[in-house]
Each structure stands twice: as C-alpha cells, then as structure tokens.
C-alpha cells in the first residue's frame, strides 16, 4: 500500500491508502502521457459503440423523467391551488 494525505473541505487532512500496483500503473501511464504517448486502449469501433449506448441511455432517462413528471401532475391535478 502507498499512503498519502489529502486536503479535506474543512482544511483538515485525511489519510488515503492506495494499492501499490494501482499507484505504480497510474504513475507509469502519466509518465507515458507526458512523454507524448497518446495511444488509447479503446478502438474506434468500441468508442462509437459506447457513444451510441450512452446516447440511448440518455434518451431512456429523459423519457423516464418526462413520464414521472406527467404521472406526478396527473396525481396532483393541474398544479393550482386546491381550495
């Protein structure tokens, strides 16, 4: 484990422990990136597939939000005063 400290919102310090293998991998990737290595693990078709999937999920979420709003409105009436 690699130990380190981080700043908390209230100005204090917290202890964080990171598995050494993850830390080493992260640092090595950072060094390669700084050296100009811009190779990515994901291929172009994978990225396109993920983008389509993300778009579809966003659409599905938007539809659910609209359905929930309509359901809430139908349950409380037109939203006016109930006197």
N, C-alpha and C. Protein backbone atom coordinates (compact mmCIF):
# COMPACT_ATOMS: atom_id res chain seq x y z
N UNK A 1 0.83 -1.19 0.00
CA UNK A 1 0.00 0.00 0.00
C UNK A 1 0.88 1.25 0.00
N UNK A 2 0.41 2.24 -0.74
CA UNK A 2 1.06 3.53 -0.74
C UNK A 2 0.17 4.46 0.06
N UNK A 3 0.74 5.15 1.01
CA UNK A 3 -0.04 6.05 1.85
C UNK A 3 0.21 7.48 1.45
N UNK A 4 -0.81 8.28 1.56
CA UNK A 4 -0.69 9.69 1.25
C UNK A 4 -1.75 10.47 1.98
N UNK A 5 -1.67 11.76 1.91
CA UNK A 5 -2.64 12.61 2.57
C UNK A 5 -3.36 13.44 1.54
N UNK A 6 -4.59 13.80 1.87
CA UNK A 6 -5.36 14.69 1.01
C UNK A 6 -6.01 15.75 1.88
N UNK A 7 -6.31 16.88 1.27
CA UNK A 7 -6.92 18.01 1.96
C UNK A 7 -8.43 17.82 2.01
N UNK A 8 -9.04 17.97 3.17
CA UNK A 8 -10.49 17.87 3.29
C UNK A 8 -11.10 19.25 3.08
N UNK A 9 -12.41 19.28 2.91
CA UNK A 9 -13.08 20.56 2.65
C UNK A 9 -12.93 21.54 3.81
N UNK A 10 -12.86 21.03 5.03
CA UNK A 10 -12.76 21.91 6.19
C UNK A 10 -11.32 22.28 6.53
N UNK A 11 -10.39 21.95 5.65
CA UNK A 11 -9.00 22.33 5.85
C UNK A 11 -8.17 21.28 6.57
N UNK A 12 -8.78 20.20 6.97
CA UNK A 12 -8.06 19.13 7.65
C UNK A 12 -7.33 18.24 6.65
N UNK A 13 -6.74 17.19 7.18
CA UNK A 13 -6.03 16.24 6.33
C UNK A 13 -6.60 14.86 6.56
N UNK A 14 -6.69 14.11 5.51
CA UNK A 14 -7.16 12.73 5.59
C UNK A 14 -6.09 11.80 5.04
N UNK A 15 -6.11 10.58 5.52
CA UNK A 15 -5.14 9.58 5.06
C UNK A 15 -5.79 8.73 3.99
N UNK A 16 -5.06 8.47 2.92
CA UNK A 16 -5.56 7.61 1.86
C UNK A 16 -4.52 6.53 1.61
N UNK A 17 -5.00 5.31 1.44
CA UNK A 17 -4.12 4.21 1.11
C UNK A 17 -4.51 3.67 -0.25
N UNK A 18 -3.54 3.55 -1.13
CA UNK A 18 -3.77 3.09 -2.49
C UNK A 18 -2.94 1.84 -2.72
N UNK A 19 -3.54 0.80 -3.28
CA UNK A 19 -2.74 -0.39 -3.57
C UNK A 19 -1.54 -0.02 -4.45
N UNK A 20 -0.37 -0.54 -4.13
CA UNK A 20 0.86 -0.19 -4.83
C UNK A 20 0.77 -0.45 -6.33
N UNK A 21 0.20 -1.58 -6.70
CA UNK A 21 0.13 -1.92 -8.14
C UNK A 21 -0.67 -0.88 -8.90
N UNK A 22 -1.78 -0.42 -8.31
CA UNK A 22 -2.61 0.59 -8.98
C UNK A 22 -1.84 1.91 -9.07
N UNK A 23 -1.19 2.27 -7.97
CA UNK A 23 -0.45 3.53 -7.94
C UNK A 23 0.67 3.51 -8.98
N UNK A 24 1.41 2.40 -9.04
CA UNK A 24 2.52 2.30 -9.99
C UNK A 24 2.00 2.38 -11.43
N UNK A 25 0.90 1.68 -11.70
CA UNK A 25 0.32 1.69 -13.05
C UNK A 25 -0.13 3.10 -13.43
N UNK A 26 -0.75 3.80 -12.49
CA UNK A 26 -1.22 5.16 -12.72
C UNK A 26 -0.05 6.09 -13.02
N UNK A 27 1.00 5.99 -12.23
CA UNK A 27 2.17 6.86 -12.43
C UNK A 27 2.85 6.57 -13.76
N UNK A 28 2.97 5.30 -14.11
CA UNK A 28 3.59 4.95 -15.39
C UNK A 28 2.77 5.49 -16.56
N UNK A 29 1.45 5.38 -16.47
CA UNK A 29 0.59 5.90 -17.54
C UNK A 29 0.76 7.41 -17.66
N UNK A 30 0.87 8.10 -16.52
CA UNK A 30 1.08 9.54 -16.53
C UNK A 30 2.40 9.92 -17.19
N UNK A 31 3.44 9.16 -16.88
CA UNK A 31 4.76 9.43 -17.49
C UNK A 31 4.70 9.25 -19.00
N UNK A 32 4.05 8.18 -19.45
CA UNK A 32 3.94 7.94 -20.89
C UNK A 32 3.16 9.07 -21.57
N UNK A 33 2.08 9.51 -20.91
CA UNK A 33 1.25 10.57 -21.48
C UNK A 33 2.05 11.86 -21.60
N UNK A 34 2.82 12.16 -20.57
CA UNK A 34 3.65 13.37 -20.60
C UNK A 34 4.72 13.28 -21.67
N UNK A 35 5.15 12.08 -21.96
CA UNK A 35 6.18 11.88 -22.98
C UNK A 35 5.60 11.92 -24.39
N UNK A 36 4.29 12.09 -24.50
CA UNK A 36 3.67 12.20 -25.82
C UNK A 36 3.01 10.95 -26.32
N UNK A 37 2.94 9.91 -25.51
CA UNK A 37 2.28 8.67 -25.91
C UNK A 37 0.77 8.88 -25.80
N UNK A 38 0.11 8.98 -26.93
CA UNK A 38 -1.33 9.24 -26.93
C UNK A 38 -2.14 8.03 -27.34
N UNK A 39 -1.51 6.86 -27.37
CA UNK A 39 -2.23 5.64 -27.77
C UNK A 39 -3.33 5.35 -26.75
N UNK A 40 -4.44 4.93 -27.23
CA UNK A 40 -5.57 4.59 -26.38
C UNK A 40 -5.82 3.10 -26.46
N UNK A 41 -6.38 2.53 -25.38
CA UNK A 41 -6.68 1.12 -25.38
C UNK A 41 -7.96 0.83 -26.16
N UNK A 42 -8.89 1.75 -26.15
CA UNK A 42 -10.17 1.53 -26.84
C UNK A 42 -10.00 1.80 -28.33
N UNK A 43 -10.57 0.95 -29.14
CA UNK A 43 -10.50 1.14 -30.58
C UNK A 43 -11.63 2.07 -31.02
N UNK A 44 -11.54 2.55 -32.22
CA UNK A 44 -12.55 3.45 -32.76
C UNK A 44 -13.94 2.81 -32.78
N UNK A 45 -14.09 1.56 -33.23
CA UNK A 45 -15.43 0.94 -33.19
C UNK A 45 -15.98 0.82 -31.77
N UNK A 46 -15.10 0.55 -30.80
CA UNK A 46 -15.55 0.47 -29.41
C UNK A 46 -16.06 1.81 -28.92
N UNK A 47 -15.34 2.86 -29.28
CA UNK A 47 -15.74 4.20 -28.87
C UNK A 47 -17.09 4.56 -29.49
N UNK A 48 -17.26 4.25 -30.78
CA UNK A 48 -18.53 4.54 -31.45
C UNK A 48 -19.67 3.79 -30.79
N UNK A 49 -19.43 2.52 -30.46
CA UNK A 49 -20.46 1.71 -29.79
C UNK A 49 -20.81 2.30 -28.43
N UNK A 50 -19.82 2.72 -27.69
CA UNK A 50 -20.06 3.32 -26.38
C UNK A 50 -20.82 4.64 -26.49
N UNK A 51 -20.50 5.41 -27.51
CA UNK A 51 -21.22 6.68 -27.70
C UNK A 51 -22.69 6.44 -28.02
N UNK A 52 -22.96 5.45 -28.89
CA UNK A 52 -24.34 5.12 -29.22
C UNK A 52 -25.08 4.64 -27.97
N UNK A 53 -24.41 3.80 -27.19
CA UNK A 53 -25.02 3.29 -25.97
C UNK A 53 -25.31 4.43 -24.98
N UNK A 54 -24.37 5.35 -24.85
CA UNK A 54 -24.56 6.49 -23.96
C UNK A 54 -25.73 7.35 -24.42
N UNK A 55 -25.82 7.59 -25.73
CA UNK A 55 -26.94 8.37 -26.26
C UNK A 55 -28.28 7.69 -25.98
N UNK A 56 -28.33 6.37 -26.21
CA UNK A 56 -29.56 5.62 -25.96
C UNK A 56 -29.95 5.67 -24.49
N UNK A 57 -28.96 5.57 -23.60
CA UNK A 57 -29.25 5.64 -22.17
C UNK A 57 -29.76 7.02 -21.77
N UNK A 58 -29.18 8.07 -22.36
CA UNK A 58 -29.64 9.43 -22.07
C UNK A 58 -31.08 9.61 -22.53
N UNK A 59 -31.40 9.08 -23.71
CA UNK A 59 -32.79 9.17 -24.21
C UNK A 59 -33.75 8.43 -23.29
N UNK A 60 -33.36 7.23 -22.86
CA UNK A 60 -34.22 6.45 -21.98
C UNK A 60 -34.44 7.17 -20.66
N UNK A 61 -33.39 7.78 -20.13
CA UNK A 61 -33.50 8.53 -18.89
C UNK A 61 -34.43 9.73 -19.07
N UNK A 62 -34.27 10.44 -20.17
CA UNK A 62 -35.13 11.61 -20.43
C UNK A 62 -36.59 11.19 -20.53
N UNK A 63 -36.85 10.08 -21.18
CA UNK A 63 -38.23 9.59 -21.30
C UNK A 63 -38.80 9.24 -19.92
N UNK A 64 -38.01 8.61 -19.08
CA UNK A 64 -38.47 8.26 -17.74
C UNK A 64 -38.76 9.50 -16.91
N UNK A 65 -37.91 10.51 -17.04
CA UNK A 65 -38.13 11.76 -16.31
C UNK A 65 -39.43 12.41 -16.75
N UNK A 66 -39.68 12.44 -18.06
CA UNK A 66 -40.92 13.03 -18.56
C UNK A 66 -42.14 12.24 -18.08
N UNK A 67 -42.05 10.91 -18.14
CA UNK A 67 -43.16 10.08 -17.68
C UNK A 67 -43.43 10.32 -16.20
N UNK A 68 -42.39 10.43 -15.40
CA UNK A 68 -42.57 10.70 -13.96
C UNK A 68 -43.21 12.05 -13.72
N UNK A 69 -42.79 13.05 -14.47
CA UNK A 69 -43.40 14.38 -14.32
C UNK A 69 -44.88 14.35 -14.67
N UNK A 70 -45.20 13.67 -15.78
CA UNK A 70 -46.60 13.57 -16.18
C UNK A 70 -47.41 12.81 -15.13
N UNK A 71 -46.87 11.77 -14.59
CA UNK A 71 -47.55 10.99 -13.56
C UNK A 71 -47.78 11.84 -12.32
N UNK A 72 -46.79 12.60 -11.90
CA UNK A 72 -46.93 13.47 -10.73
C UNK A 72 -48.02 14.51 -10.97
N UNK A 73 -48.01 15.11 -12.18
CA UNK A 73 -49.02 16.12 -12.50
C UNK A 73 -50.41 15.52 -12.49
N UNK A 74 -50.56 14.32 -13.02
CA UNK A 74 -51.87 13.69 -13.05
C UNK A 74 -52.35 13.33 -11.66
N UNK A 75 -51.44 13.08 -10.75
CA UNK A 75 -51.83 12.72 -9.38
C UNK A 75 -52.20 13.93 -8.54
N UNK A 76 -51.59 15.10 -8.83
CA UNK A 76 -51.89 16.30 -8.05
C UNK A 76 -52.81 17.26 -8.78
N UNK A 77 -53.27 16.87 -9.92
CA UNK A 77 -54.16 17.75 -10.69
C UNK A 77 -53.38 18.67 -11.57
N UNK A 78 -53.91 19.87 -11.75
CA UNK A 78 -53.25 20.81 -12.66
C UNK A 78 -52.17 21.63 -11.98
N UNK A 79 -51.93 21.40 -10.70
CA UNK A 79 -50.89 22.12 -10.01
C UNK A 79 -51.34 23.43 -9.42
N UNK A 80 -52.62 23.76 -9.56
CA UNK A 80 -53.14 25.01 -9.00
C UNK A 80 -53.47 24.84 -7.54
N UNK A 81 -54.02 25.92 -6.94
CA UNK A 81 -54.42 25.87 -5.53
C UNK A 81 -55.58 24.91 -5.37
N UNK A 82 -55.56 24.16 -4.28
CA UNK A 82 -56.61 23.18 -4.05
C UNK A 82 -57.55 23.67 -2.95
N UNK A 83 -58.16 24.83 -3.13
CA UNK A 83 -59.08 25.38 -2.13
C UNK A 83 -60.51 25.17 -2.54
